[in-house]
Amino acid sequence: MIDLMMTDEVRTALDEGAPVLALESTIISHGMPYPQNVSMAREVEAIVRDHGVVPATIAVLDGVPRIGLDDDGLELLGSGEGSIRKVSIRDLPYVIARCEHGATTVAATMRLASLAGIRVFTTGGLGGVHRGASATFDISADLTELSLTAVTVISAGVKSILDIGLTLEMLETLGVPVLGYRTDDFPAFYTRTSGYAVPLRVESASEIAALMKAKDDLGINGGISVANPIPESDEIGHERIDAIIDQALGDLDRLGITGKDTTPYLLGRIVEITGGDSLVANIALVKNNAVLGAAIATEFAGLSAR
């Protein structure tokens, strides 16, 4: 079993059965520009603590999986452009064996969180089936990991640069419960609606925790996807963001960017085209997800203690 380095705060919380919320690190290193990325990470951790939950930002530093980071670790991830590898499941052994720095995607964060015994994880947007995947087969490992690892993932839905309909079909095929938090319409990251219905609707964190426990009791493998819409005051309207995404996708094609570089490029290009408005929306939805994630972690810890 691989050794995990935990902060004292995280280790104590896990030993005592207190609520812990996992946070990914790719959003810091590859999802936002510096220094806004580091400020966001610190603010999100503060929000989680304000709700009585211990935050555990997950990454690999010097080849060591870290469950919880200190302030220097957050700064390194945010400012270390070029030295921080984007790490999904397939990359974990490589980065660990070579003693490199790596920021973990949703899939890799889920796997390390599960190894640490953390059951709830919050992120910005879920990866999924890319547009044109029928030709490229570009499908995020996030979806496969959700079918394998028992971690509940809170996001603002699938990133709107993806094929949302096919992503939902894939999640159904993989047997992953997809829950809409107080919504009937699956959210699309920057916007609250996508035009696709959520398979299952829930109204409270306690309902989600109860569903987690029922899933465990049934012996059903895999995780749960909770789709939490961006706050209404922070969303970017469909007409505007759809046109911007089309422009960014056109730029992507002209530059010939593919694979794991696709999402970081598109998110960065959208920030440029929107004049920073998409970055403001991204930060708002991450904070909103952290609040819900903290509530779910608290409720699930209470159920587990009974």
C-alpha atoms as a PDB file:
ATOM      1  CA  MET A   1       0.000   0.000   0.000  1.00  0.00           C
ATOM      2  CA  ILE A   2       1.336   3.430  -0.933  1.00  0.00           C
ATOM      3  CA  ASP A   3       2.213   5.744   1.931  1.00  0.00           C
ATOM      4  CA  LEU A   4       0.003   8.820   2.179  1.00  0.00           C
ATOM      5  CA  MET A   5       1.278  11.943   3.910  1.00  0.00           C
ATOM      6  CA  MET A   6      -1.538  13.578   5.884  1.00  0.00           C
ATOM      7  CA  THR A   7      -1.524  16.849   7.747  1.00  0.00           C
ATOM      8  CA  ASP A   8      -2.018  16.468  11.493  1.00  0.00           C
ATOM      9  CA  GLU A   9      -5.396  18.201  11.123  1.00  0.00           C
ATOM     10  CA  VAL A  10      -6.663  15.675   8.586  1.00  0.00           C
ATOM     11  CA  ARG A  11      -5.258  12.632  10.398  1.00  0.00           C
ATOM     12  CA  THR A  12      -6.821  13.665  13.705  1.00  0.00           C
ATOM     13  CA  ALA A  13     -10.208  14.284  12.088  1.00  0.00           C
ATOM     14  CA  LEU A  14     -10.192  10.908  10.353  1.00  0.00           C
ATOM     15  CA  ASP A  15      -9.109   9.101  13.531  1.00  0.00           C
ATOM     16  CA  GLU A  16     -11.931  10.771  15.465  1.00  0.00           C
ATOM     17  CA  GLY A  17     -14.586  10.199  12.792  1.00  0.00           C
ATOM     18  CA  ALA A  18     -14.989  13.948  12.256  1.00  0.00           C
ATOM     19  CA  PRO A  19     -16.099  15.234   8.844  1.00  0.00           C
ATOM     20  CA  VAL A  20     -13.395  15.735   6.220  1.00  0.00           C
ATOM     21  CA  LEU A  21     -13.913  17.154   2.722  1.00  0.00           C
ATOM     22  CA  ALA A  22     -11.492  16.358  -0.108  1.00  0.00           C
ATOM     23  CA  LEU A  23     -10.561  19.114  -2.581  1.00  0.00           C
ATOM     24  CA  GLU A  24      -8.779  18.657  -5.898  1.00  0.00           C
ATOM     25  CA  SER A  25      -5.620  20.476  -6.944  1.00  0.00           C
ATOM     26  CA  THR A  26      -5.772  20.595 -10.753  1.00  0.00           C
ATOM     27  CA  ILE A  27      -8.214  23.477 -10.443  1.00  0.00           C
ATOM     28  CA  ILE A  28      -5.390  25.367  -8.710  1.00  0.00           C
ATOM     29  CA  SER A  29      -2.541  24.503 -11.076  1.00  0.00           C
ATOM     30  CA  HIS A  30      -4.341  24.237 -14.414  1.00  0.00           C
ATOM     31  CA  GLY A  31      -7.818  25.692 -13.946  1.00  0.00           C
ATOM     32  CA  MET A  32      -7.150  29.313 -12.968  1.00  0.00           C
ATOM     33  CA  PRO A  33      -4.384  31.914 -13.384  1.00  0.00           C
ATOM     34  CA  TYR A  34      -1.969  32.890 -10.617  1.00  0.00           C
ATOM     35  CA  PRO A  35      -2.448  34.467  -8.075  1.00  0.00           C
ATOM     36  CA  GLN A  36      -6.260  34.144  -8.190  1.00  0.00           C
ATOM     37  CA  ASN A  37      -5.903  30.359  -8.034  1.00  0.00           C
ATOM     38  CA  VAL A  38      -4.081  30.422  -4.700  1.00  0.00           C
ATOM     39  CA  SER A  39      -6.481  32.977  -3.239  1.00  0.00           C
ATOM     40  CA  MET A  40      -9.393  30.784  -4.311  1.00  0.00           C
ATOM     41  CA  ALA A  41      -7.834  27.689  -2.715  1.00  0.00           C
ATOM     42  CA  ARG A  42      -7.284  29.486   0.584  1.00  0.00           C
ATOM     43  CA  GLU A  43     -10.801  30.924   0.583  1.00  0.00           C
ATOM     44  CA  VAL A  44     -12.378  27.539  -0.163  1.00  0.00           C
ATOM     45  CA  GLU A  45     -10.458  25.883   2.675  1.00  0.00           C
ATOM     46  CA  ALA A  46     -11.587  28.701   4.997  1.00  0.00           C
ATOM     47  CA  ILE A  47     -15.217  28.197   3.950  1.00  0.00           C
ATOM     48  CA  VAL A  48     -14.985  24.476   4.703  1.00  0.00           C
ATOM     49  CA  ARG A  49     -13.487  25.138   8.152  1.00  0.00           C
ATOM     50  CA  ASP A  50     -16.143  27.770   8.874  1.00  0.00           C
ATOM     51  CA  HIS A  51     -18.711  24.988   8.446  1.00  0.00           C
ATOM     52  CA  GLY A  52     -16.977  22.769  11.004  1.00  0.00           C
ATOM     53  CA  VAL A  53     -15.319  20.467   8.478  1.00  0.00           C
ATOM     54  CA  VAL A  54     -11.622  19.760   7.860  1.00  0.00           C
ATOM     55  CA  PRO A  55     -10.490  20.488   4.272  1.00  0.00           C
ATOM     56  CA  ALA A  56      -8.077  18.059   2.609  1.00  0.00           C
ATOM     57  CA  THR A  57      -6.628  19.471  -0.597  1.00  0.00           C
ATOM     58  CA  ILE A  58      -5.022  16.525  -2.391  1.00  0.00           C
ATOM     59  CA  ALA A  59      -1.910  16.560  -4.586  1.00  0.00           C
ATOM     60  CA  VAL A  60       1.402  14.775  -5.160  1.00  0.00           C
ATOM     61  CA  LEU A  61       4.523  16.698  -4.098  1.00  0.00           C
ATOM     62  CA  ASP A  62       8.004  15.265  -4.625  1.00  0.00           C
ATOM     63  CA  GLY A  63       6.345  11.968  -5.488  1.00  0.00           C
ATOM     64  CA  VAL A  64       4.436  11.755  -2.211  1.00  0.00           C
ATOM     65  CA  PRO A  65       0.612  11.754  -2.207  1.00  0.00           C
ATOM     66  CA  ARG A  66      -0.472  14.524   0.134  1.00  0.00           C
ATOM     67  CA  ILE A  67      -3.815  14.446   1.907  1.00  0.00           C
ATOM     68  CA  GLY A  68      -4.115  18.042   3.030  1.00  0.00           C
ATOM     69  CA  LEU A  69      -1.670  20.833   2.161  1.00  0.00           C
ATOM     70  CA  ASP A  70      -0.091  23.648   4.109  1.00  0.00           C
ATOM     71  CA  ASP A  71       0.052  27.200   2.752  1.00  0.00           C
ATOM     72  CA  ASP A  72       3.429  26.601   1.085  1.00  0.00           C
ATOM     73  CA  GLY A  73       1.990  23.616  -0.756  1.00  0.00           C
ATOM     74  CA  LEU A  74      -0.916  25.667  -2.081  1.00  0.00           C
ATOM     75  CA  GLU A  75       1.500  28.383  -3.206  1.00  0.00           C
ATOM     76  CA  LEU A  76       3.702  25.853  -4.994  1.00  0.00           C
ATOM     77  CA  LEU A  77       0.750  24.400  -6.897  1.00  0.00           C
ATOM     78  CA  GLY A  78      -0.510  27.828  -7.897  1.00  0.00           C
ATOM     79  CA  SER A  79       2.764  29.442  -8.910  1.00  0.00           C
ATOM     80  CA  GLY A  80       4.727  26.457 -10.245  1.00  0.00           C
ATOM     81  CA  GLU A  81       3.672  26.724 -13.884  1.00  0.00           C
ATOM     82  CA  GLY A  82       5.487  24.134 -15.992  1.00  0.00           C
ATOM     83  CA  SER A  83       6.721  22.124 -12.998  1.00  0.00           C
ATOM     84  CA  ILE A  84       3.311  20.785 -11.962  1.00  0.00           C
ATOM     85  CA  ARG A  85       2.079  17.812 -13.955  1.00  0.00           C
ATOM     86  CA  LYS A  86      -1.664  17.303 -14.474  1.00  0.00           C
ATOM     87  CA  VAL A  87      -2.252  13.887 -12.918  1.00  0.00           C
ATOM     88  CA  SER A  88      -5.118  11.547 -13.682  1.00  0.00           C
ATOM     89  CA  ILE A  89      -5.293   7.887 -12.668  1.00  0.00           C
ATOM     90  CA  ARG A  90      -2.887   6.647 -15.336  1.00  0.00           C
ATOM     91  CA  ASP A  91      -0.299   9.273 -14.332  1.00  0.00           C
ATOM     92  CA  LEU A  92      -0.217   8.580 -10.583  1.00  0.00           C
ATOM     93  CA  PRO A  93       2.367   5.743 -10.649  1.00  0.00           C
ATOM     94  CA  TYR A  94       4.608   7.705 -13.031  1.00  0.00           C
ATOM     95  CA  VAL A  95       4.645  10.875 -10.954  1.00  0.00           C
ATOM     96  CA  ILE A  96       5.135   8.994  -7.687  1.00  0.00           C
ATOM     97  CA  ALA A  97       7.940   6.815  -9.072  1.00  0.00           C
ATOM     98  CA  ARG A  98       9.764   9.844 -10.511  1.00  0.00           C
ATOM     99  CA  CYS A  99       9.312  11.958  -7.357  1.00  0.00           C
ATOM    100  CA  GLU A 100       7.606  14.730  -9.308  1.00  0.00           C
ATOM    101  CA  HIS A 101       4.980  17.326  -8.417  1.00  0.00           C
ATOM    102  CA  GLY A 102       1.469  16.563  -9.613  1.00  0.00           C
ATOM    103  CA  ALA A 103      -1.922  18.232  -9.331  1.00  0.00           C
ATOM    104  CA  THR A 104      -4.696  15.657  -9.174  1.00  0.00           C
ATOM    105  CA  THR A 105      -7.746  15.626 -11.412  1.00  0.00           C
ATOM    106  CA  VAL A 106     -11.190  14.536 -10.223  1.00  0.00           C
ATOM    107  CA  ALA A 107     -10.353  10.880 -10.932  1.00  0.00           C
ATOM    108  CA  ALA A 108      -6.979  10.885  -9.170  1.00  0.00           C
ATOM    109  CA  THR A 109      -8.324  12.913  -6.254  1.00  0.00           C
ATOM    110  CA  MET A 110     -11.156  10.408  -5.811  1.00  0.00           C
ATOM    111  CA  ARG A 111      -8.730   7.495  -5.720  1.00  0.00           C
ATOM    112  CA  LEU A 112      -6.383   9.097  -3.174  1.00  0.00           C
ATOM    113  CA  ALA A 113      -9.287  10.351  -1.067  1.00  0.00           C
ATOM    114  CA  SER A 114     -10.717   6.841  -0.956  1.00  0.00           C
ATOM    115  CA  LEU A 115      -7.348   5.380   0.079  1.00  0.00           C
ATOM    116  CA  ALA A 116      -7.287   7.913   2.915  1.00  0.00           C
ATOM    117  CA  GLY A 117     -10.836   7.048   4.008  1.00  0.00           C
ATOM    118  CA  ILE A 118     -12.463  10.300   2.824  1.00  0.00           C
ATOM    119  CA  ARG A 119     -15.922   9.824   1.322  1.00  0.00           C
ATOM    120  CA  VAL A 120     -16.931  13.308   0.141  1.00  0.00           C
ATOM    121  CA  PHE A 121     -15.137  15.448  -2.424  1.00  0.00           C
ATOM    122  CA  THR A 122     -15.956  18.806  -3.972  1.00  0.00           C
ATOM    123  CA  THR A 123     -14.695  20.247  -7.255  1.00  0.00           C
ATOM    124  CA  GLY A 124     -15.693  22.798  -9.888  1.00  0.00           C
ATOM    125  CA  GLY A 125     -16.901  20.855 -12.899  1.00  0.00           C
ATOM    126  CA  LEU A 126     -16.929  17.158 -13.688  1.00  0.00           C
ATOM    127  CA  GLY A 127     -15.050  15.807 -16.696  1.00  0.00           C
ATOM    128  CA  GLY A 128     -16.968  13.855 -19.287  1.00  0.00           C
ATOM    129  CA  VAL A 129     -17.421  13.028 -22.947  1.00  0.00           C
ATOM    130  CA  HIS A 130     -15.814  15.653 -25.169  1.00  0.00           C
ATOM    131  CA  ARG A 131     -17.585  17.017 -28.201  1.00  0.00           C
ATOM    132  CA  GLY A 132     -16.627  14.968 -31.234  1.00  0.00           C
ATOM    133  CA  ALA A 133     -15.785  11.950 -29.082  1.00  0.00           C
ATOM    134  CA  SER A 134     -17.307   9.630 -31.692  1.00  0.00           C
ATOM    135  CA  ALA A 135     -14.178  10.374 -33.745  1.00  0.00           C
ATOM    136  CA  THR A 136     -11.601  11.126 -31.026  1.00  0.00           C
ATOM    137  CA  PHE A 137     -12.757   8.785 -28.211  1.00  0.00           C
ATOM    138  CA  ASP A 138     -11.867  11.640 -25.831  1.00  0.00           C
ATOM    139  CA  ILE A 139     -13.678  10.659 -22.642  1.00  0.00           C
ATOM    140  CA  SER A 140     -12.541  11.721 -19.190  1.00  0.00           C
ATOM    141  CA  ALA A 141     -11.302   9.107 -16.743  1.00  0.00           C
ATOM    142  CA  ASP A 142     -13.482  10.902 -14.169  1.00  0.00           C
ATOM    143  CA  LEU A 143     -16.452   8.900 -15.401  1.00  0.00           C
ATOM    144  CA  THR A 144     -14.752   5.521 -15.102  1.00  0.00           C
ATOM    145  CA  GLU A 145     -13.469   6.391 -11.634  1.00  0.00           C
ATOM    146  CA  LEU A 146     -16.988   7.301 -10.527  1.00  0.00           C
ATOM    147  CA  SER A 147     -18.043   3.761 -11.428  1.00  0.00           C
ATOM    148  CA  LEU A 148     -15.241   2.254  -9.317  1.00  0.00           C
ATOM    149  CA  THR A 149     -14.554   4.392  -6.255  1.00  0.00           C
ATOM    150  CA  ALA A 150     -16.997   5.072  -3.411  1.00  0.00           C
ATOM    151  CA  VAL A 151     -16.605   8.831  -3.163  1.00  0.00           C
ATOM    152  CA  THR A 152     -19.427  11.344  -3.528  1.00  0.00           C
ATOM    153  CA  VAL A 153     -18.403  14.144  -5.898  1.00  0.00           C
ATOM    154  CA  ILE A 154     -20.081  17.554  -5.740  1.00  0.00           C
ATOM    155  CA  SER A 155     -19.722  19.664  -8.889  1.00  0.00           C
ATOM    156  CA  ALA A 156     -21.559  22.381 -10.795  1.00  0.00           C
ATOM    157  CA  GLY A 157     -22.406  19.753 -13.358  1.00  0.00           C
ATOM    158  CA  VAL A 158     -20.385  18.787 -16.390  1.00  0.00           C
ATOM    159  CA  LYS A 159     -18.138  21.474 -17.864  1.00  0.00           C
ATOM    160  CA  SER A 160     -20.137  23.217 -20.587  1.00  0.00           C
ATOM    161  CA  ILE A 161     -17.315  22.692 -23.100  1.00  0.00           C
ATOM    162  CA  LEU A 162     -18.266  18.988 -23.125  1.00  0.00           C
ATOM    163  CA  ASP A 163     -21.069  16.934 -24.675  1.00  0.00           C
ATOM    164  CA  ILE A 164     -23.469  16.939 -21.737  1.00  0.00           C
ATOM    165  CA  GLY A 165     -26.018  14.549 -23.223  1.00  0.00           C
ATOM    166  CA  LEU A 166     -23.457  11.858 -24.006  1.00  0.00           C
ATOM    167  CA  THR A 167     -21.833  12.322 -20.603  1.00  0.00           C
ATOM    168  CA  LEU A 168     -25.138  11.637 -18.870  1.00  0.00           C
ATOM    169  CA  GLU A 169     -25.663   8.575 -21.057  1.00  0.00           C
ATOM    170  CA  MET A 170     -22.198   7.316 -20.129  1.00  0.00           C
ATOM    171  CA  LEU A 171     -22.852   7.806 -16.424  1.00  0.00           C
ATOM    172  CA  GLU A 172     -26.076   5.834 -16.761  1.00  0.00           C
ATOM    173  CA  THR A 173     -24.247   3.000 -18.517  1.00  0.00           C
ATOM    174  CA  LEU A 174     -21.645   2.956 -15.747  1.00  0.00           C
ATOM    175  CA  GLY A 175     -24.350   2.787 -13.074  1.00  0.00           C
ATOM    176  CA  VAL A 176     -23.416   6.071 -11.403  1.00  0.00           C
ATOM    177  CA  PRO A 177     -26.263   7.831  -9.533  1.00  0.00           C
ATOM    178  CA  VAL A 178     -26.529  11.430 -10.768  1.00  0.00           C
ATOM    179  CA  LEU A 179     -28.316  13.695  -8.306  1.00  0.00           C
ATOM    180  CA  GLY A 180     -29.587  17.193  -9.021  1.00  0.00           C
ATOM    181  CA  TYR A 181     -29.418  19.295  -5.863  1.00  0.00           C
ATOM    182  CA  ARG A 182     -32.702  21.206  -5.722  1.00  0.00           C
ATOM    183  CA  THR A 183     -32.950  21.212  -9.511  1.00  0.00           C
ATOM    184  CA  ASP A 184     -34.702  19.209 -12.224  1.00  0.00           C
ATOM    185  CA  ASP A 185     -32.373  20.507 -14.962  1.00  0.00           C
ATOM    186  CA  PHE A 186     -28.786  19.294 -15.062  1.00  0.00           C
ATOM    187  CA  PRO A 187     -26.494  22.313 -14.560  1.00  0.00           C
ATOM    188  CA  ALA A 188     -23.822  23.204 -17.114  1.00  0.00           C
ATOM    189  CA  PHE A 189     -21.019  24.756 -15.057  1.00  0.00           C
ATOM    190  CA  TYR A 190     -21.298  28.456 -16.008  1.00  0.00           C
ATOM    191  CA  THR A 191     -25.093  28.202 -16.309  1.00  0.00           C
ATOM    192  CA  ARG A 192     -27.757  26.696 -14.075  1.00  0.00           C
ATOM    193  CA  THR A 193     -29.448  24.712 -16.837  1.00  0.00           C
ATOM    194  CA  SER A 194     -28.436  22.585 -19.798  1.00  0.00           C
ATOM    195  CA  GLY A 195     -31.774  21.414 -21.167  1.00  0.00           C
ATOM    196  CA  TYR A 196     -31.068  17.884 -19.923  1.00  0.00           C
ATOM    197  CA  ALA A 197     -33.110  16.486 -17.046  1.00  0.00           C
ATOM    198  CA  VAL A 198     -31.331  15.229 -13.941  1.00  0.00           C
ATOM    199  CA  PRO A 199     -32.017  11.518 -13.407  1.00  0.00           C
ATOM    200  CA  LEU A 200     -32.657  11.969  -9.669  1.00  0.00           C
ATOM    201  CA  ARG A 201     -33.504  15.052  -7.593  1.00  0.00           C
ATOM    202  CA  VAL A 202     -32.567  15.612  -3.939  1.00  0.00           C
ATOM    203  CA  GLU A 203     -33.407  18.457  -1.575  1.00  0.00           C
ATOM    204  CA  SER A 204     -30.932  18.239   1.293  1.00  0.00           C
ATOM    205  CA  ALA A 205     -27.475  17.177   2.410  1.00  0.00           C
ATOM    206  CA  SER A 206     -29.041  14.686   4.820  1.00  0.00           C
ATOM    207  CA  GLU A 207     -30.887  13.031   1.936  1.00  0.00           C
ATOM    208  CA  ILE A 208     -27.605  12.646   0.030  1.00  0.00           C
ATOM    209  CA  ALA A 209     -25.854  11.182   3.090  1.00  0.00           C
ATOM    210  CA  ALA A 210     -28.707   8.701   3.561  1.00  0.00           C
ATOM    211  CA  LEU A 211     -28.392   7.683  -0.093  1.00  0.00           C
ATOM    212  CA  MET A 212     -24.650   7.122   0.406  1.00  0.00           C
ATOM    213  CA  LYS A 213     -25.326   4.854   3.357  1.00  0.00           C
ATOM    214  CA  ALA A 214     -28.040   2.936   1.501  1.00  0.00           C
ATOM    215  CA  LYS A 215     -25.656   2.391  -1.404  1.00  0.00           C
ATOM    216  CA  ASP A 216     -23.010   1.058   0.979  1.00  0.00           C
ATOM    217  CA  ASP A 217     -25.526  -1.224   2.679  1.00  0.00           C
ATOM    218  CA  LEU A 218     -26.520  -2.652  -0.700  1.00  0.00           C
ATOM    219  CA  GLY A 219     -22.894  -3.397  -1.538  1.00  0.00           C
ATOM    220  CA  ILE A 220     -23.029  -1.301  -4.711  1.00  0.00           C
ATOM    221  CA  ASN A 221     -19.594  -0.180  -5.863  1.00  0.00           C
ATOM    222  CA  GLY A 222     -18.680   3.244  -7.157  1.00  0.00           C
ATOM    223  CA  GLY A 223     -19.396   6.843  -6.327  1.00  0.00           C
ATOM    224  CA  ILE A 224     -22.179   9.386  -6.632  1.00  0.00           C
ATOM    225  CA  SER A 225     -22.298  12.546  -8.725  1.00  0.00           C
ATOM    226  CA  VAL A 226     -24.086  15.502  -7.120  1.00  0.00           C
ATOM    227  CA  ALA A 227     -24.849  18.346  -9.535  1.00  0.00           C
ATOM    228  CA  ASN A 228     -25.140  21.668  -7.690  1.00  0.00           C
ATOM    229  CA  PRO A 229     -26.108  24.654  -9.890  1.00  0.00           C
ATOM    230  CA  ILE A 230     -24.002  27.805  -9.821  1.00  0.00           C
ATOM    231  CA  PRO A 231     -25.724  30.578  -7.795  1.00  0.00           C
ATOM    232  CA  GLU A 232     -28.171  32.469  -9.975  1.00  0.00           C
ATOM    233  CA  SER A 233     -26.439  35.808  -9.378  1.00  0.00           C
ATOM    234  CA  ASP A 234     -23.141  34.425 -10.731  1.00  0.00           C
ATOM    235  CA  GLU A 235     -24.195  32.474 -13.810  1.00  0.00           C
ATOM    236  CA  ILE A 236     -23.366  33.481 -17.383  1.00  0.00           C
ATOM    237  CA  GLY A 237     -26.362  33.310 -19.717  1.00  0.00           C
ATOM    238  CA  HIS A 238     -26.633  30.558 -22.305  1.00  0.00           C
ATOM    239  CA  GLU A 239     -26.635  32.831 -25.344  1.00  0.00           C
ATOM    240  CA  ARG A 240     -23.393  34.510 -24.339  1.00  0.00           C
ATOM    241  CA  ILE A 241     -21.445  31.509 -23.039  1.00  0.00           C
ATOM    242  CA  ASP A 242     -22.483  29.179 -25.887  1.00  0.00           C
ATOM    243  CA  ALA A 243     -21.104  31.600 -28.488  1.00  0.00           C
ATOM    244  CA  ILE A 244     -17.881  31.991 -26.500  1.00  0.00           C
ATOM    245  CA  ILE A 245     -17.437  28.227 -26.160  1.00  0.00           C
ATOM    246  CA  ASP A 246     -17.923  27.809 -29.924  1.00  0.00           C
ATOM    247  CA  GLN A 247     -15.231  30.430 -30.527  1.00  0.00           C
ATOM    248  CA  ALA A 248     -12.851  28.741 -28.086  1.00  0.00           C
ATOM    249  CA  LEU A 249     -13.475  25.323 -29.673  1.00  0.00           C
ATOM    250  CA  GLY A 250     -12.694  26.783 -33.083  1.00  0.00           C
ATOM    251  CA  ASP A 251      -9.415  28.162 -31.749  1.00  0.00           C
ATOM    252  CA  LEU A 252      -8.635  24.765 -30.217  1.00  0.00           C
ATOM    253  CA  ASP A 253      -9.119  23.008 -33.554  1.00  0.00           C
ATOM    254  CA  ARG A 254      -6.942  25.499 -35.413  1.00  0.00           C
ATOM    255  CA  LEU A 255      -4.122  25.023 -32.914  1.00  0.00           C
ATOM    256  CA  GLY A 256      -4.429  21.221 -32.991  1.00  0.00           C
ATOM    257  CA  ILE A 257      -4.591  20.891 -29.203  1.00  0.00           C
ATOM    258  CA  THR A 258      -5.787  17.463 -28.025  1.00  0.00           C
ATOM    259  CA  GLY A 259      -5.885  15.147 -25.018  1.00  0.00           C
ATOM    260  CA  LYS A 260      -5.374  16.336 -21.474  1.00  0.00           C
ATOM    261  CA  ASP A 261      -4.314  19.810 -22.663  1.00  0.00           C
ATOM    262  CA  THR A 262      -7.799  20.406 -24.072  1.00  0.00           C
ATOM    263  CA  THR A 263      -9.645  21.453 -20.922  1.00  0.00           C
ATOM    264  CA  PRO A 264      -6.945  23.783 -19.490  1.00  0.00           C
ATOM    265  CA  TYR A 265      -6.660  25.526 -22.870  1.00  0.00           C
ATOM    266  CA  LEU A 266     -10.406  25.963 -23.281  1.00  0.00           C
ATOM    267  CA  LEU A 267     -10.932  27.255 -19.742  1.00  0.00           C
ATOM    268  CA  GLY A 268      -8.079  29.726 -20.162  1.00  0.00           C
ATOM    269  CA  ARG A 269      -9.302  30.875 -23.567  1.00  0.00           C
ATOM    270  CA  ILE A 270     -12.819  31.389 -22.227  1.00  0.00           C
ATOM    271  CA  VAL A 271     -11.395  33.578 -19.452  1.00  0.00           C
ATOM    272  CA  GLU A 272      -9.681  35.690 -22.127  1.00  0.00           C
ATOM    273  CA  ILE A 273     -12.770  36.035 -24.303  1.00  0.00           C
ATOM    274  CA  THR A 274     -15.074  36.896 -21.383  1.00  0.00           C
ATOM    275  CA  GLY A 275     -12.641  39.445 -19.999  1.00  0.00           C
ATOM    276  CA  GLY A 276     -12.404  37.507 -16.747  1.00  0.00           C
ATOM    277  CA  ASP A 277     -16.146  37.027 -16.204  1.00  0.00           C
ATOM    278  CA  SER A 278     -15.847  33.255 -16.505  1.00  0.00           C
ATOM    279  CA  LEU A 279     -13.140  33.234 -13.831  1.00  0.00           C
ATOM    280  CA  VAL A 280     -15.451  35.094 -11.451  1.00  0.00           C
ATOM    281  CA  ALA A 281     -18.191  32.542 -12.179  1.00  0.00           C
ATOM    282  CA  ASN A 282     -15.771  29.638 -11.717  1.00  0.00           C
ATOM    283  CA  ILE A 283     -14.658  30.865  -8.298  1.00  0.00           C
ATOM    284  CA  ALA A 284     -18.266  31.449  -7.228  1.00  0.00           C
ATOM    285  CA  LEU A 285     -19.380  27.927  -8.143  1.00  0.00           C
ATOM    286  CA  VAL A 286     -16.378  26.330  -6.422  1.00  0.00           C
ATOM    287  CA  LYS A 287     -17.226  28.160  -3.194  1.00  0.00           C
ATOM    288  CA  ASN A 288     -20.884  27.187  -3.536  1.00  0.00           C
ATOM    289  CA  ASN A 289     -19.920  23.539  -3.989  1.00  0.00           C
ATOM    290  CA  ALA A 290     -17.666  23.687  -0.930  1.00  0.00           C
ATOM    291  CA  VAL A 291     -20.597  24.756   1.243  1.00  0.00           C
ATOM    292  CA  LEU A 292     -22.735  21.835   0.060  1.00  0.00           C
ATOM    293  CA  GLY A 293     -19.805  19.419   0.297  1.00  0.00           C
ATOM    294  CA  ALA A 294     -19.163  20.428   3.903  1.00  0.00           C
ATOM    295  CA  ALA A 295     -22.825  19.851   4.751  1.00  0.00           C
ATOM    296  CA  ILE A 296     -22.824  16.386   3.156  1.00  0.00           C
ATOM    297  CA  ALA A 297     -19.577  15.424   4.905  1.00  0.00           C
ATOM    298  CA  THR A 298     -21.070  16.486   8.237  1.00  0.00           C
ATOM    299  CA  GLU A 299     -24.279  14.526   7.689  1.00  0.00           C
ATOM    300  CA  PHE A 300     -22.453  11.403   6.541  1.00  0.00           C
ATOM    301  CA  ALA A 301     -20.058  11.511   9.490  1.00  0.00           C
ATOM    302  CA  GLY A 302     -23.108  11.670  11.776  1.00  0.00           C
ATOM    303  CA  LEU A 303     -24.672   8.620  10.120  1.00  0.00           C
ATOM    304  CA  SER A 304     -21.412   6.667  10.263  1.00  0.00           C
ATOM    305  CA  ALA A 305     -21.087   7.348  13.985  1.00  0.00           C
ATOM    306  CA  ARG A 306     -24.434   5.746  14.812  1.00  0.00           C
END
